[in-house]
Amino acid sequence: MATFEPGSRMQAAHPPQPSPAPAAAIWRAIAVASRRLAQHRAQALRNQRDVQALSQLDDHQLKDIGLTRGQVESFVAERSKRCAWTRPTASTLRVFDMSA
């Protein structure tokens, strides 16, 4: 009968258990996820506002900027993907300010 002694070849090898992540890393991951969620929500709200502003233009004005009414939503969505790294500036915001 074989005996199982610590350190012998017959002993089952258990992989080392991963150490729990430090609390700081967990909070950092939560902060990053929260920031991304807020950025996505803000982008969705900007897109919605832009679609509404462009939809208020008449067909002649849309033609002047090279769009048809059917292209408004896809234009805003595509522009959002292409320019995701940019932030709106004061001059950009003035273009869509319909209160003036």
Protein backbone atom coordinates (compact mmCIF):
# COMPACT_ATOMS: atom_id res chain seq x y z
CA MET A 1 0.00 0.00 0.00
CA ALA A 2 1.36 3.38 -0.98
CA THR A 3 1.72 6.12 1.55
CA PHE A 4 1.03 9.74 0.68
CA GLU A 5 3.52 11.98 2.29
CA PRO A 6 3.71 15.75 1.77
CA GLY A 7 5.99 16.57 -1.11
CA SER A 8 5.77 13.13 -2.66
CA ARG A 9 4.85 12.63 -6.31
CA MET A 10 1.62 11.00 -5.35
CA GLN A 11 0.25 14.13 -3.69
CA ALA A 12 -2.34 15.99 -5.76
CA ALA A 13 -1.08 19.29 -7.04
CA HIS A 14 -3.41 22.20 -6.42
CA PRO A 15 -2.96 25.35 -8.46
CA PRO A 16 -2.25 28.42 -6.38
CA GLN A 17 -5.35 30.39 -5.51
CA PRO A 18 -5.45 33.93 -6.95
CA SER A 19 -5.22 36.59 -4.34
CA PRO A 20 -8.24 38.85 -4.04
CA ALA A 21 -7.95 42.16 -5.89
CA PRO A 22 -7.08 45.11 -3.69
CA ALA A 23 -9.98 47.35 -2.81
CA ALA A 24 -8.40 50.29 -4.64
CA ALA A 25 -8.39 48.35 -7.93
CA ILE A 26 -12.04 47.43 -7.49
CA TRP A 27 -13.04 51.02 -6.82
CA ARG A 28 -10.96 52.18 -9.78
CA ALA A 29 -12.77 49.69 -12.05
CA ILE A 30 -16.14 50.89 -10.73
CA ALA A 31 -15.15 54.51 -11.37
CA VAL A 32 -14.03 53.74 -14.93
CA ALA A 33 -17.25 51.85 -15.66
CA SER A 34 -19.34 54.67 -14.20
CA ARG A 35 -17.48 57.27 -16.25
CA ARG A 36 -17.96 55.28 -19.45
CA LEU A 37 -21.65 54.83 -18.73
CA ALA A 38 -22.03 58.58 -18.14
CA GLN A 39 -20.14 59.36 -21.36
CA HIS A 40 -22.32 57.00 -23.39
CA ARG A 41 -25.48 58.49 -21.88
CA ALA A 42 -24.26 62.03 -22.58
CA GLN A 43 -23.47 61.08 -26.20
CA ALA A 44 -26.93 59.56 -26.61
CA LEU A 45 -28.52 62.76 -25.30
CA ARG A 46 -26.38 64.89 -27.66
CA ASN A 47 -27.39 62.69 -30.58
CA GLN A 48 -31.06 62.98 -29.65
CA ARG A 49 -30.77 66.77 -29.40
CA ASP A 50 -28.97 66.98 -32.74
CA VAL A 51 -31.59 64.82 -34.48
CA GLN A 52 -34.34 67.05 -33.07
CA ALA A 53 -32.54 70.20 -34.20
CA LEU A 54 -31.91 68.89 -37.71
CA SER A 55 -35.48 67.61 -37.96
CA GLN A 56 -36.75 71.13 -37.35
CA LEU A 57 -35.01 72.39 -40.50
CA ASP A 58 -37.07 72.50 -43.68
CA ASP A 59 -36.14 70.42 -46.73
CA HIS A 60 -34.42 73.34 -48.46
CA GLN A 61 -32.17 73.99 -45.44
CA LEU A 62 -31.33 70.29 -45.18
CA LYS A 63 -30.48 70.24 -48.90
CA ASP A 64 -28.14 73.21 -48.36
CA ILE A 65 -26.11 71.18 -45.88
CA GLY A 66 -26.23 68.08 -48.08
CA LEU A 67 -28.82 65.99 -46.25
CA THR A 68 -32.28 64.66 -46.90
CA ARG A 69 -34.82 64.15 -44.16
CA GLY A 70 -34.28 60.40 -44.32
CA GLN A 71 -30.53 60.77 -43.70
CA VAL A 72 -30.72 62.83 -40.50
CA GLU A 73 -30.61 59.98 -37.97
CA SER A 74 -27.95 57.98 -39.81
CA PHE A 75 -25.85 61.14 -40.28
CA VAL A 76 -25.93 61.91 -36.55
CA ALA A 77 -25.14 58.30 -35.62
CA GLU A 78 -22.24 58.09 -38.09
CA ARG A 79 -20.86 61.47 -37.05
CA SER A 80 -21.03 60.32 -33.44
CA LYS A 81 -18.95 57.21 -34.24
CA ARG A 82 -16.38 59.11 -36.34
CA CYS A 83 -15.93 61.97 -33.89
CA ALA A 84 -16.33 60.16 -30.57
CA TRP A 85 -12.98 61.53 -29.40
CA THR A 86 -13.97 65.18 -29.92
CA ARG A 87 -15.83 67.39 -27.51
CA PRO A 88 -18.41 69.93 -28.65
CA THR A 89 -17.08 73.48 -28.72
CA ALA A 90 -19.00 76.72 -28.27
CA SER A 91 -19.07 77.27 -32.06
CA THR A 92 -20.37 73.73 -32.66
CA LEU A 93 -23.09 74.19 -30.08
CA ARG A 94 -24.18 77.47 -31.69
CA VAL A 95 -24.92 75.65 -34.95
CA PHE A 96 -27.66 73.64 -33.23
CA ASP A 97 -28.93 76.40 -30.94
CA MET A 98 -32.49 76.82 -32.18
CA SER A 99 -33.45 79.47 -29.59
CA ALA A 100 -31.76 82.29 -31.54
